[in-house]
Protein backbone atom coordinates (compact mmCIF):
# COMPACT_ATOMS: atom_id res chain seq x y z
CA MET A 1 0.00 0.00 0.00
CA GLU A 2 1.43 3.35 -1.03
CA MET A 3 0.62 6.57 0.81
CA ARG A 4 1.74 10.03 -0.12
CA HIS A 5 0.43 13.52 0.42
CA SER A 6 1.35 16.91 -0.96
CA GLU A 7 -0.34 20.25 -1.46
CA ASP A 8 -1.31 19.76 -5.09
CA ALA A 9 -1.26 15.99 -5.30
CA TYR A 10 -3.37 13.38 -3.60
CA LEU A 11 -3.36 10.71 -0.96
CA VAL A 12 -3.26 7.21 -2.35
CA THR A 13 -4.57 4.34 -0.23
CA GLY A 14 -4.48 1.09 -2.13
CA ASN A 15 -6.32 1.81 -5.38
CA LEU A 16 -8.34 4.77 -4.07
CA LYS A 17 -7.36 8.36 -4.75
CA HIS A 18 -8.47 10.92 -2.17
CA PHE A 19 -8.01 14.59 -2.97
CA PRO A 20 -7.36 16.60 0.22
CA THR A 21 -9.55 19.61 0.95
CA LYS A 22 -7.19 22.53 0.49
CA PRO A 23 -8.83 24.96 2.92
CA PHE A 24 -7.59 22.91 5.89
CA VAL A 25 -4.07 23.57 7.13
CA VAL A 26 -2.30 21.35 9.66
CA THR A 27 0.62 22.90 11.53
CA ASP A 28 3.61 21.21 13.14
CA HIS A 29 1.74 21.41 16.45
CA CYS A 30 -0.17 18.26 15.40
CA ILE A 31 0.50 15.47 17.91
CA GLY A 32 -1.00 12.74 15.72
CA CYS A 33 -3.60 11.72 18.32
CA GLY A 34 -6.26 10.86 15.71
CA LEU A 35 -9.09 12.64 17.54
CA CYS A 36 -9.99 14.48 14.35
CA GLN A 37 -10.43 11.17 12.53
CA GLU A 38 -12.43 9.74 15.42
CA ILE A 39 -14.79 12.69 15.76
CA CYS A 40 -15.45 13.22 12.03
CA PRO A 41 -19.14 12.35 11.45
CA CYS A 42 -18.52 11.61 7.75
CA GLY A 43 -15.38 9.50 7.98
CA ALA A 44 -13.62 12.10 5.84
CA ILE A 45 -10.28 12.12 7.65
CA LEU A 46 -7.45 9.66 7.15
CA ILE A 47 -4.22 9.82 9.11
CA SER A 48 -1.23 9.81 6.76
CA GLY A 49 2.30 10.22 8.04
CA GLY A 50 0.94 11.06 11.49
CA LYS A 51 -1.14 13.99 10.17
CA PRO A 52 -4.76 14.25 9.02
CA ALA A 53 -5.71 14.30 5.34
CA TRP A 54 -9.29 15.02 4.27
CA VAL A 55 -11.26 13.07 1.70
CA LYS A 56 -12.82 15.90 -0.24
CA SER A 57 -15.77 13.90 -1.53
CA LYS A 58 -16.84 13.03 2.05
CA CYS A 59 -16.01 16.22 3.97
CA VAL A 60 -19.02 18.46 4.68
CA ARG A 61 -16.84 21.11 6.37
CA CYS A 62 -18.57 20.88 9.73
CA LEU A 63 -15.25 22.03 11.28
CA GLY A 64 -15.59 19.57 14.16
CA CYS A 65 -11.97 18.50 13.57
CA LEU A 66 -10.75 22.09 13.78
CA HIS A 67 -12.61 22.90 16.97
CA ARG A 68 -11.83 19.64 18.81
CA CYS A 69 -8.11 19.42 18.00
CA PRO A 70 -6.39 19.35 21.42
CA ALA A 71 -3.21 20.88 19.98
CA GLN A 72 -5.10 23.51 17.93
CA ALA A 73 -3.09 22.32 14.94
CA ILE A 74 -5.94 22.36 12.40
CA HIS A 75 -6.80 25.69 10.81
CA TRP A 76 -9.06 26.97 8.06
CA LYS A 77 -7.06 28.46 5.17
CA THR A 78 -4.36 30.19 7.28
CA PRO A 79 -2.76 29.13 10.57
CA GLU A 80 -3.88 32.05 12.70
CA GLU A 81 -3.42 31.13 16.35
CA ASP A 82 -5.71 33.82 17.77
CA ARG A 83 -9.01 32.42 16.47
CA GLY A 84 -11.29 30.92 19.09
CA ARG A 85 -12.41 27.32 19.31
CA TYR A 86 -15.95 26.16 20.03
CA TYR A 87 -16.73 22.91 21.83
CA ASN A 88 -20.27 21.72 21.21
CA PRO A 89 -21.48 20.31 24.55
CA ARG A 90 -23.64 17.74 22.69
CA VAL A 91 -20.66 16.12 20.97
CA GLU A 92 -18.66 13.62 22.98
CA SER A 93 -15.07 12.87 22.08
């Protein structure tokens, strides 16, 4: 099984090609805990090389991954550290 990921390319898992959703940015603060993959209601996140990669065709951009990341390593478009995070009390992680 081959896996690779780059900005303009794709993630290959077996024979499936998954195009990452470009608006998401993952910083070096990512600890590879997999919570984003676990909490995603659509199963749109795969962990590749210890970092999340989004399956564009499945992602509905609910931003649950962004808001629940314990390291605040997931960002929308630009890695701005000063944006707040919202934790929905009805979602258990």
